[in-house]
Amino acid sequence: MRAERLNAMEQYILGKETVSLEELSTQFSVSMNTIRRDVMELLSRGNIRKVYGGVSSTLINRPVGFSVRAQKNSRAKQIIGRLASQLVSDGASIFLDSGSTTPYILQHIGEKNGVTVITHSLTALYAASSLSNLNIIALGGIYAPATSSFTGISTLDALSRLSIQTIFISATGVSIENGLTNSTYLEAEIKRSVVQRGNRVVLMADQSKFGHSAVISFCPFEQLYAIVTDCLPSEPYLEAIDRYGIRLICPGHESD
């Protein structure tokens, strides 16, 4: 019970960025003494720090706004979306995360039969809503404008009840050492939770993401089932892809 409260409290603080102790006491319906003990435990995790009258997030890396990210490398994202659609068959259940690349797959699966799309991305939900052949499951939560998505405990809870065949995921950074990384705590928690639920984790990322790392790791490189990208990765990545048996799909190249 306390462990669940601590995790929920940490996510609440990181989502709000700065919170008073009184607000935490009210939000979680516990005494101020309990809040002080909980905060001492959370401080040891390193993601929050004490400020006057409360606590604040230490994760100062802010994601680029979604509207800006959505406009970057649009041609590469079109290519990636088309190629990724090859991994979706009739009757499949797929998860689309809140990245700016994953919704591009929807343009190419609208004519497939019985595909169920599961997502917490408002952008993906809007795009999927115009495709009558798709079944859509929306994961609720608190709306986060920075990622155009819904996040929180309720999102994770809804996700835990679903069976998903193929997970299409994006990342702020991709490296062999740190795997897939993200700069938004709550979003990274959703990504981490969903990649633990399936064997077919598919990375959709253009080459600008490779060789970079953000602050939060959520998926080891070797856990990937496939990588869909816009051009052939550099030699170190090709060696790692071969070593871990990852399927590579990019223009002019596809490995099984």
C-alpha atoms as a PDB file:
ATOM      1  CA  MET A   1       0.000   0.000   0.000  1.00  0.00           C
ATOM      2  CA  ARG A   2       2.749   2.481   0.959  1.00  0.00           C
ATOM      3  CA  ALA A   3       4.823   1.489  -2.073  1.00  0.00           C
ATOM      4  CA  GLU A   4       1.883   2.247  -4.364  1.00  0.00           C
ATOM      5  CA  ARG A   5       1.321   5.595  -2.645  1.00  0.00           C
ATOM      6  CA  LEU A   6       4.998   6.503  -2.979  1.00  0.00           C
ATOM      7  CA  ASN A   7       5.010   5.715  -6.688  1.00  0.00           C
ATOM      8  CA  ALA A   8       1.799   7.663  -7.238  1.00  0.00           C
ATOM      9  CA  MET A   9       3.123  10.574  -5.198  1.00  0.00           C
ATOM     10  CA  GLU A  10       6.382  10.690  -7.149  1.00  0.00           C
ATOM     11  CA  GLN A  11       4.499  10.745 -10.450  1.00  0.00           C
ATOM     12  CA  TYR A  12       2.197  13.471  -9.120  1.00  0.00           C
ATOM     13  CA  ILE A  13       5.150  15.660  -8.098  1.00  0.00           C
ATOM     14  CA  LEU A  14       6.983  15.152 -11.382  1.00  0.00           C
ATOM     15  CA  GLY A  15       3.827  15.950 -13.300  1.00  0.00           C
ATOM     16  CA  LYS A  16       3.178  19.151 -11.333  1.00  0.00           C
ATOM     17  CA  GLU A  17       6.916  20.046 -11.117  1.00  0.00           C
ATOM     18  CA  THR A  18       6.523  21.874  -7.752  1.00  0.00           C
ATOM     19  CA  VAL A  19       4.072  20.860  -5.005  1.00  0.00           C
ATOM     20  CA  SER A  20       3.547  21.991  -1.412  1.00  0.00           C
ATOM     21  CA  LEU A  21       3.452  19.450   1.424  1.00  0.00           C
ATOM     22  CA  GLU A  22      -0.070  20.597   2.256  1.00  0.00           C
ATOM     23  CA  GLU A  23      -1.227  19.802  -1.277  1.00  0.00           C
ATOM     24  CA  LEU A  24       0.315  16.333  -1.044  1.00  0.00           C
ATOM     25  CA  SER A  25      -1.419  15.732   2.276  1.00  0.00           C
ATOM     26  CA  THR A  26      -4.775  16.675   0.770  1.00  0.00           C
ATOM     27  CA  GLN A  27      -4.223  14.838  -2.507  1.00  0.00           C
ATOM     28  CA  PHE A  28      -3.259  11.543  -0.864  1.00  0.00           C
ATOM     29  CA  SER A  29      -5.453  11.841   2.257  1.00  0.00           C
ATOM     30  CA  VAL A  30      -2.681  11.267   4.774  1.00  0.00           C
ATOM     31  CA  SER A  31      -1.296  13.309   7.665  1.00  0.00           C
ATOM     32  CA  MET A  32       1.530  15.803   7.388  1.00  0.00           C
ATOM     33  CA  ASN A  33       3.762  13.492   9.431  1.00  0.00           C
ATOM     34  CA  THR A  34       3.151  10.709   6.913  1.00  0.00           C
ATOM     35  CA  ILE A  35       3.852  13.086   4.044  1.00  0.00           C
ATOM     36  CA  ARG A  36       7.171  14.098   5.604  1.00  0.00           C
ATOM     37  CA  ARG A  37       8.206  10.441   5.950  1.00  0.00           C
ATOM     38  CA  ASP A  38       7.136   9.706   2.374  1.00  0.00           C
ATOM     39  CA  VAL A  39       9.035  12.715   1.049  1.00  0.00           C
ATOM     40  CA  MET A  40      12.200  11.575   2.814  1.00  0.00           C
ATOM     41  CA  GLU A  41      11.868   8.241   1.016  1.00  0.00           C
ATOM     42  CA  LEU A  42      11.264   9.930  -2.341  1.00  0.00           C
ATOM     43  CA  LEU A  43      14.269  12.233  -1.931  1.00  0.00           C
ATOM     44  CA  SER A  44      16.530   9.170  -1.883  1.00  0.00           C
ATOM     45  CA  ARG A  45      15.325   8.214  -5.377  1.00  0.00           C
ATOM     46  CA  GLY A  46      16.904  11.361  -6.796  1.00  0.00           C
ATOM     47  CA  ASN A  47      14.002  12.587  -8.933  1.00  0.00           C
ATOM     48  CA  ILE A  48      12.741  15.255  -6.524  1.00  0.00           C
ATOM     49  CA  ARG A  49      14.329  17.804  -4.212  1.00  0.00           C
ATOM     50  CA  LYS A  50      13.175  19.842  -1.240  1.00  0.00           C
ATOM     51  CA  VAL A  51      12.181  23.464  -1.764  1.00  0.00           C
ATOM     52  CA  TYR A  52      10.700  25.970   0.665  1.00  0.00           C
ATOM     53  CA  GLY A  53       7.361  24.567   1.843  1.00  0.00           C
ATOM     54  CA  GLY A  54       7.354  21.591  -0.494  1.00  0.00           C
ATOM     55  CA  VAL A  55       9.163  19.566  -3.135  1.00  0.00           C
ATOM     56  CA  SER A  56      10.150  20.027  -6.766  1.00  0.00           C
ATOM     57  CA  SER A  57      11.193  17.842  -9.710  1.00  0.00           C
ATOM     58  CA  THR A  58      14.906  17.528 -10.450  1.00  0.00           C
ATOM     59  CA  LEU A  59      14.200  16.449 -14.036  1.00  0.00           C
ATOM     60  CA  ILE A  60      14.875  19.808 -15.621  1.00  0.00           C
ATOM     61  CA  ASN A  61      15.152  18.497 -19.197  1.00  0.00           C
ATOM     62  CA  ARG A  62      12.000  19.707 -20.914  1.00  0.00           C
ATOM     63  CA  PRO A  63      10.721  18.012 -24.053  1.00  0.00           C
ATOM     64  CA  VAL A  64      10.391  19.999 -27.242  1.00  0.00           C
ATOM     65  CA  GLY A  65       6.741  20.941 -27.758  1.00  0.00           C
ATOM     66  CA  PHE A  66       4.697  18.366 -29.661  1.00  0.00           C
ATOM     67  CA  SER A  67       3.694  20.792 -32.405  1.00  0.00           C
ATOM     68  CA  VAL A  68       7.375  21.467 -33.108  1.00  0.00           C
ATOM     69  CA  ARG A  69       8.315  17.780 -33.099  1.00  0.00           C
ATOM     70  CA  ALA A  70       5.380  16.900 -35.353  1.00  0.00           C
ATOM     71  CA  GLN A  71       6.719  19.165 -38.099  1.00  0.00           C
ATOM     72  CA  LYS A  72      10.308  17.876 -38.006  1.00  0.00           C
ATOM     73  CA  ASN A  73      11.464  15.249 -40.513  1.00  0.00           C
ATOM     74  CA  SER A  74       7.927  14.734 -41.818  1.00  0.00           C
ATOM     75  CA  ARG A  75       9.136  13.023 -45.013  1.00  0.00           C
ATOM     76  CA  ALA A  76      11.155  10.501 -43.002  1.00  0.00           C
ATOM     77  CA  LYS A  77       8.134   9.868 -40.781  1.00  0.00           C
ATOM     78  CA  GLN A  78       5.976   9.209 -43.840  1.00  0.00           C
ATOM     79  CA  ILE A  79       8.474   6.588 -45.012  1.00  0.00           C
ATOM     80  CA  ILE A  80       8.663   4.998 -41.557  1.00  0.00           C
ATOM     81  CA  GLY A  81       4.877   4.861 -41.213  1.00  0.00           C
ATOM     82  CA  ARG A  82       4.490   3.113 -44.570  1.00  0.00           C
ATOM     83  CA  LEU A  83       7.192   0.554 -43.804  1.00  0.00           C
ATOM     84  CA  ALA A  84       5.915  -0.109 -40.269  1.00  0.00           C
ATOM     85  CA  SER A  85       2.449  -0.922 -41.637  1.00  0.00           C
ATOM     86  CA  GLN A  86       3.946  -4.116 -43.112  1.00  0.00           C
ATOM     87  CA  LEU A  87       4.061  -5.473 -39.562  1.00  0.00           C
ATOM     88  CA  VAL A  88       0.297  -5.090 -39.059  1.00  0.00           C
ATOM     89  CA  SER A  89      -1.971  -7.927 -40.215  1.00  0.00           C
ATOM     90  CA  ASP A  90      -5.750  -8.279 -40.240  1.00  0.00           C
ATOM     91  CA  GLY A  91      -7.164  -8.789 -36.752  1.00  0.00           C
ATOM     92  CA  ALA A  92      -4.037  -7.516 -34.986  1.00  0.00           C
ATOM     93  CA  SER A  93      -3.996  -5.496 -31.781  1.00  0.00           C
ATOM     94  CA  ILE A  94      -1.401  -2.720 -31.776  1.00  0.00           C
ATOM     95  CA  PHE A  95      -0.255  -0.031 -29.372  1.00  0.00           C
ATOM     96  CA  LEU A  96       0.778   3.415 -30.597  1.00  0.00           C
ATOM     97  CA  ASP A  97       2.679   5.606 -28.169  1.00  0.00           C
ATOM     98  CA  SER A  98       2.558   9.396 -28.049  1.00  0.00           C
ATOM     99  CA  GLY A  99       5.570  10.089 -30.256  1.00  0.00           C
ATOM    100  CA  SER A 100       5.189  12.274 -33.322  1.00  0.00           C
ATOM    101  CA  THR A 101       6.219   9.382 -35.621  1.00  0.00           C
ATOM    102  CA  THR A 102       3.886   6.535 -34.609  1.00  0.00           C
ATOM    103  CA  PRO A 103       0.603   8.090 -35.909  1.00  0.00           C
ATOM    104  CA  TYR A 104       2.005   7.955 -39.468  1.00  0.00           C
ATOM    105  CA  ILE A 105       1.319   4.216 -39.542  1.00  0.00           C
ATOM    106  CA  LEU A 106      -2.426   4.919 -39.461  1.00  0.00           C
ATOM    107  CA  GLN A 107      -2.417   6.241 -43.030  1.00  0.00           C
ATOM    108  CA  HIS A 108      -1.505   2.751 -44.244  1.00  0.00           C
ATOM    109  CA  ILE A 109      -3.629   0.385 -42.125  1.00  0.00           C
ATOM    110  CA  GLY A 110      -7.074   1.902 -42.623  1.00  0.00           C
ATOM    111  CA  GLU A 111      -8.043  -0.762 -45.156  1.00  0.00           C
ATOM    112  CA  LYS A 112      -6.954  -3.707 -43.004  1.00  0.00           C
ATOM    113  CA  ASN A 113      -9.740  -5.656 -41.318  1.00  0.00           C
ATOM    114  CA  GLY A 114     -10.336  -5.949 -37.588  1.00  0.00           C
ATOM    115  CA  VAL A 115      -7.242  -4.072 -36.399  1.00  0.00           C
ATOM    116  CA  THR A 116      -7.518  -2.766 -32.841  1.00  0.00           C
ATOM    117  CA  VAL A 117      -5.549   0.401 -32.072  1.00  0.00           C
ATOM    118  CA  ILE A 118      -4.717   1.068 -28.415  1.00  0.00           C
ATOM    119  CA  THR A 119      -3.276   4.468 -27.579  1.00  0.00           C
ATOM    120  CA  HIS A 120      -3.098   7.325 -25.090  1.00  0.00           C
ATOM    121  CA  SER A 121      -2.065   9.764 -27.829  1.00  0.00           C
ATOM    122  CA  LEU A 122      -4.654  12.405 -28.668  1.00  0.00           C
ATOM    123  CA  THR A 123      -3.023  12.870 -32.081  1.00  0.00           C
ATOM    124  CA  ALA A 124      -3.274   9.145 -32.869  1.00  0.00           C
ATOM    125  CA  LEU A 125      -6.849   8.982 -31.577  1.00  0.00           C
ATOM    126  CA  TYR A 126      -7.892  11.850 -33.820  1.00  0.00           C
ATOM    127  CA  ALA A 127      -6.238  10.299 -36.869  1.00  0.00           C
ATOM    128  CA  ALA A 128      -7.667   6.840 -36.145  1.00  0.00           C
ATOM    129  CA  SER A 129     -11.196   8.167 -35.611  1.00  0.00           C
ATOM    130  CA  SER A 130     -11.595   8.860 -39.335  1.00  0.00           C
ATOM    131  CA  LEU A 131     -10.804   5.235 -40.274  1.00  0.00           C
ATOM    132  CA  SER A 132     -13.990   3.200 -39.971  1.00  0.00           C
ATOM    133  CA  ASN A 133     -12.281  -0.208 -40.274  1.00  0.00           C
ATOM    134  CA  LEU A 134     -10.296   0.260 -37.065  1.00  0.00           C
ATOM    135  CA  ASN A 135     -11.333  -0.626 -33.536  1.00  0.00           C
ATOM    136  CA  ILE A 136     -10.051   2.036 -31.143  1.00  0.00           C
ATOM    137  CA  ILE A 137      -9.311   1.748 -27.417  1.00  0.00           C
ATOM    138  CA  ALA A 138      -8.458   5.060 -25.768  1.00  0.00           C
ATOM    139  CA  LEU A 139      -6.426   5.042 -22.556  1.00  0.00           C
ATOM    140  CA  GLY A 140      -7.597   7.798 -20.237  1.00  0.00           C
ATOM    141  CA  GLY A 141      -5.651   9.958 -17.825  1.00  0.00           C
ATOM    142  CA  ILE A 142      -4.610  13.559 -17.335  1.00  0.00           C
ATOM    143  CA  TYR A 143      -3.969  15.440 -20.572  1.00  0.00           C
ATOM    144  CA  ALA A 144      -0.346  16.536 -21.079  1.00  0.00           C
ATOM    145  CA  PRO A 145      -0.055  19.252 -23.774  1.00  0.00           C
ATOM    146  CA  ALA A 146       3.713  18.765 -24.169  1.00  0.00           C
ATOM    147  CA  THR A 147       3.188  15.243 -25.514  1.00  0.00           C
ATOM    148  CA  SER A 148      -0.421  15.577 -26.745  1.00  0.00           C
ATOM    149  CA  SER A 149      -1.259  12.517 -24.670  1.00  0.00           C
ATOM    150  CA  PHE A 150      -2.993  11.270 -21.533  1.00  0.00           C
ATOM    151  CA  THR A 151      -0.831  10.095 -18.641  1.00  0.00           C
ATOM    152  CA  GLY A 152      -1.105   9.017 -15.021  1.00  0.00           C
ATOM    153  CA  ILE A 153      -1.975   6.085 -12.766  1.00  0.00           C
ATOM    154  CA  SER A 154      -5.299   5.498 -14.541  1.00  0.00           C
ATOM    155  CA  THR A 155      -3.484   5.223 -17.878  1.00  0.00           C
ATOM    156  CA  LEU A 156      -1.137   2.569 -16.508  1.00  0.00           C
ATOM    157  CA  ASP A 157      -4.031   0.742 -14.860  1.00  0.00           C
ATOM    158  CA  ALA A 158      -6.021   0.597 -18.098  1.00  0.00           C
ATOM    159  CA  LEU A 159      -2.933  -0.575 -19.965  1.00  0.00           C
ATOM    160  CA  SER A 160      -2.344  -3.415 -17.501  1.00  0.00           C
ATOM    161  CA  ARG A 161      -5.715  -4.967 -18.409  1.00  0.00           C
ATOM    162  CA  LEU A 162      -5.076  -5.232 -22.150  1.00  0.00           C
ATOM    163  CA  SER A 163      -3.485  -7.864 -24.368  1.00  0.00           C
ATOM    164  CA  ILE A 164      -1.386  -6.306 -27.128  1.00  0.00           C
ATOM    165  CA  GLN A 165       0.318  -8.131 -29.999  1.00  0.00           C
ATOM    166  CA  THR A 166       2.596  -5.457 -31.463  1.00  0.00           C
ATOM    167  CA  ILE A 167       3.890  -2.334 -29.724  1.00  0.00           C
ATOM    168  CA  PHE A 168       4.948   0.600 -31.885  1.00  0.00           C
ATOM    169  CA  ILE A 169       7.147   2.869 -29.827  1.00  0.00           C
ATOM    170  CA  SER A 170       9.171   6.028 -30.408  1.00  0.00           C
ATOM    171  CA  ALA A 171      12.042   7.579 -28.474  1.00  0.00           C
ATOM    172  CA  THR A 172      13.750  10.889 -27.873  1.00  0.00           C
ATOM    173  CA  GLY A 173      17.122   9.149 -28.130  1.00  0.00           C
ATOM    174  CA  VAL A 174      18.389   5.723 -29.214  1.00  0.00           C
ATOM    175  CA  SER A 175      21.763   4.272 -28.222  1.00  0.00           C
ATOM    176  CA  ILE A 176      23.178   0.776 -27.872  1.00  0.00           C
ATOM    177  CA  GLU A 177      24.378   1.453 -24.315  1.00  0.00           C
ATOM    178  CA  ASN A 178      21.273   3.153 -22.896  1.00  0.00           C
ATOM    179  CA  GLY A 179      18.661   1.728 -25.220  1.00  0.00           C
ATOM    180  CA  LEU A 180      15.552   3.798 -25.851  1.00  0.00           C
ATOM    181  CA  THR A 181      15.332   7.000 -23.806  1.00  0.00           C
ATOM    182  CA  ASN A 182      12.848   9.778 -23.153  1.00  0.00           C
ATOM    183  CA  SER A 183      12.868  13.133 -21.360  1.00  0.00           C
ATOM    184  CA  THR A 184       9.352  13.083 -19.861  1.00  0.00           C
ATOM    185  CA  TYR A 185       8.983  11.017 -16.684  1.00  0.00           C
ATOM    186  CA  LEU A 186       5.310  10.049 -16.894  1.00  0.00           C
ATOM    187  CA  GLU A 187       5.557   9.297 -20.596  1.00  0.00           C
ATOM    188  CA  ALA A 188       8.610   7.121 -19.985  1.00  0.00           C
ATOM    189  CA  GLU A 189       6.679   5.168 -17.340  1.00  0.00           C
ATOM    190  CA  ILE A 190       3.951   4.377 -19.850  1.00  0.00           C
ATOM    191  CA  LYS A 191       6.524   3.328 -22.433  1.00  0.00           C
ATOM    192  CA  ARG A 192       8.331   1.165 -19.867  1.00  0.00           C
ATOM    193  CA  SER A 193       5.076  -0.474 -18.796  1.00  0.00           C
ATOM    194  CA  VAL A 194       3.901  -1.290 -22.305  1.00  0.00           C
ATOM    195  CA  VAL A 195       7.206  -2.700 -23.578  1.00  0.00           C
ATOM    196  CA  GLN A 196       7.117  -5.184 -20.702  1.00  0.00           C
ATOM    197  CA  ARG A 197       3.803  -6.530 -21.994  1.00  0.00           C
ATOM    198  CA  GLY A 198       4.795  -7.830 -25.417  1.00  0.00           C
ATOM    199  CA  ASN A 199       7.475  -9.639 -27.395  1.00  0.00           C
ATOM    200  CA  ARG A 200       6.963  -7.558 -30.551  1.00  0.00           C
ATOM    201  CA  VAL A 201       8.342  -4.154 -29.600  1.00  0.00           C
ATOM    202  CA  VAL A 202       8.885  -2.111 -32.748  1.00  0.00           C
ATOM    203  CA  LEU A 203      10.911   1.096 -32.691  1.00  0.00           C
ATOM    204  CA  MET A 204       9.798   3.752 -35.180  1.00  0.00           C
ATOM    205  CA  ALA A 205      12.568   6.363 -35.317  1.00  0.00           C
ATOM    206  CA  ASP A 206      14.349   8.413 -37.957  1.00  0.00           C
ATOM    207  CA  GLN A 207      18.141   8.534 -38.002  1.00  0.00           C
ATOM    208  CA  SER A 208      18.308  11.842 -36.108  1.00  0.00           C
ATOM    209  CA  LYS A 209      17.405   9.904 -32.927  1.00  0.00           C
ATOM    210  CA  PHE A 210      20.314   7.452 -33.138  1.00  0.00           C
ATOM    211  CA  GLY A 211      23.456   8.153 -31.132  1.00  0.00           C
ATOM    212  CA  HIS A 212      21.643  10.359 -28.610  1.00  0.00           C
ATOM    213  CA  SER A 213      20.387   9.708 -25.081  1.00  0.00           C
ATOM    214  CA  ALA A 214      17.755  11.484 -23.013  1.00  0.00           C
ATOM    215  CA  VAL A 215      17.585  11.377 -19.229  1.00  0.00           C
ATOM    216  CA  ILE A 216      15.257   8.368 -18.727  1.00  0.00           C
ATOM    217  CA  SER A 217      15.855   4.880 -20.154  1.00  0.00           C
ATOM    218  CA  PHE A 218      12.729   2.796 -20.720  1.00  0.00           C
ATOM    219  CA  CYS A 219      13.692  -0.096 -23.017  1.00  0.00           C
ATOM    220  CA  PRO A 220      17.000  -1.949 -23.562  1.00  0.00           C
ATOM    221  CA  PHE A 221      18.179  -2.022 -27.169  1.00  0.00           C
ATOM    222  CA  GLU A 222      18.308  -5.818 -27.193  1.00  0.00           C
ATOM    223  CA  GLN A 223      14.607  -6.082 -26.250  1.00  0.00           C
ATOM    224  CA  LEU A 224      13.490  -4.762 -29.634  1.00  0.00           C
ATOM    225  CA  TYR A 225      11.764  -7.061 -32.105  1.00  0.00           C
ATOM    226  CA  ALA A 226      12.199  -4.661 -35.012  1.00  0.00           C
ATOM    227  CA  ILE A 227      13.525  -1.231 -35.945  1.00  0.00           C
ATOM    228  CA  VAL A 228      11.791   0.782 -38.658  1.00  0.00           C
ATOM    229  CA  THR A 229      13.804   3.781 -39.811  1.00  0.00           C
ATOM    230  CA  ASP A 230      14.320   6.006 -42.842  1.00  0.00           C
ATOM    231  CA  CYS A 231      17.841   4.941 -43.884  1.00  0.00           C
ATOM    232  CA  LEU A 232      20.499   2.392 -43.055  1.00  0.00           C
ATOM    233  CA  PRO A 233      21.959   2.886 -39.547  1.00  0.00           C
ATOM    234  CA  SER A 234      25.711   3.221 -38.949  1.00  0.00           C
ATOM    235  CA  GLU A 235      27.945   0.155 -38.614  1.00  0.00           C
ATOM    236  CA  PRO A 236      27.868  -0.112 -34.781  1.00  0.00           C
ATOM    237  CA  TYR A 237      24.074  -0.263 -34.882  1.00  0.00           C
ATOM    238  CA  LEU A 238      24.086  -2.773 -37.718  1.00  0.00           C
ATOM    239  CA  GLU A 239      26.408  -4.996 -35.678  1.00  0.00           C
ATOM    240  CA  ALA A 240      24.162  -4.719 -32.605  1.00  0.00           C
ATOM    241  CA  ILE A 241      21.041  -5.393 -34.688  1.00  0.00           C
ATOM    242  CA  ASP A 242      22.671  -8.542 -36.067  1.00  0.00           C
ATOM    243  CA  ARG A 243      23.961  -9.595 -32.639  1.00  0.00           C
ATOM    244  CA  TYR A 244      20.564  -9.330 -30.968  1.00  0.00           C
ATOM    245  CA  GLY A 245      18.569 -10.727 -33.877  1.00  0.00           C
ATOM    246  CA  ILE A 246      16.547  -7.547 -34.383  1.00  0.00           C
ATOM    247  CA  ARG A 247      14.611  -7.151 -37.611  1.00  0.00           C
ATOM    248  CA  LEU A 248      15.663  -4.049 -39.542  1.00  0.00           C
ATOM    249  CA  ILE A 249      13.223  -2.386 -41.945  1.00  0.00           C
ATOM    250  CA  CYS A 250      14.348   0.651 -43.926  1.00  0.00           C
ATOM    251  CA  PRO A 251      14.290   1.731 -47.589  1.00  0.00           C
ATOM    252  CA  GLY A 252      16.191  -0.789 -49.696  1.00  0.00           C
ATOM    253  CA  HIS A 253      16.827  -3.142 -46.805  1.00  0.00           C
ATOM    254  CA  GLU A 254      14.815  -5.608 -44.748  1.00  0.00           C
ATOM    255  CA  SER A 255      16.224  -8.338 -42.513  1.00  0.00           C
ATOM    256  CA  ASP A 256      14.175 -11.212 -41.100  1.00  0.00           C
END
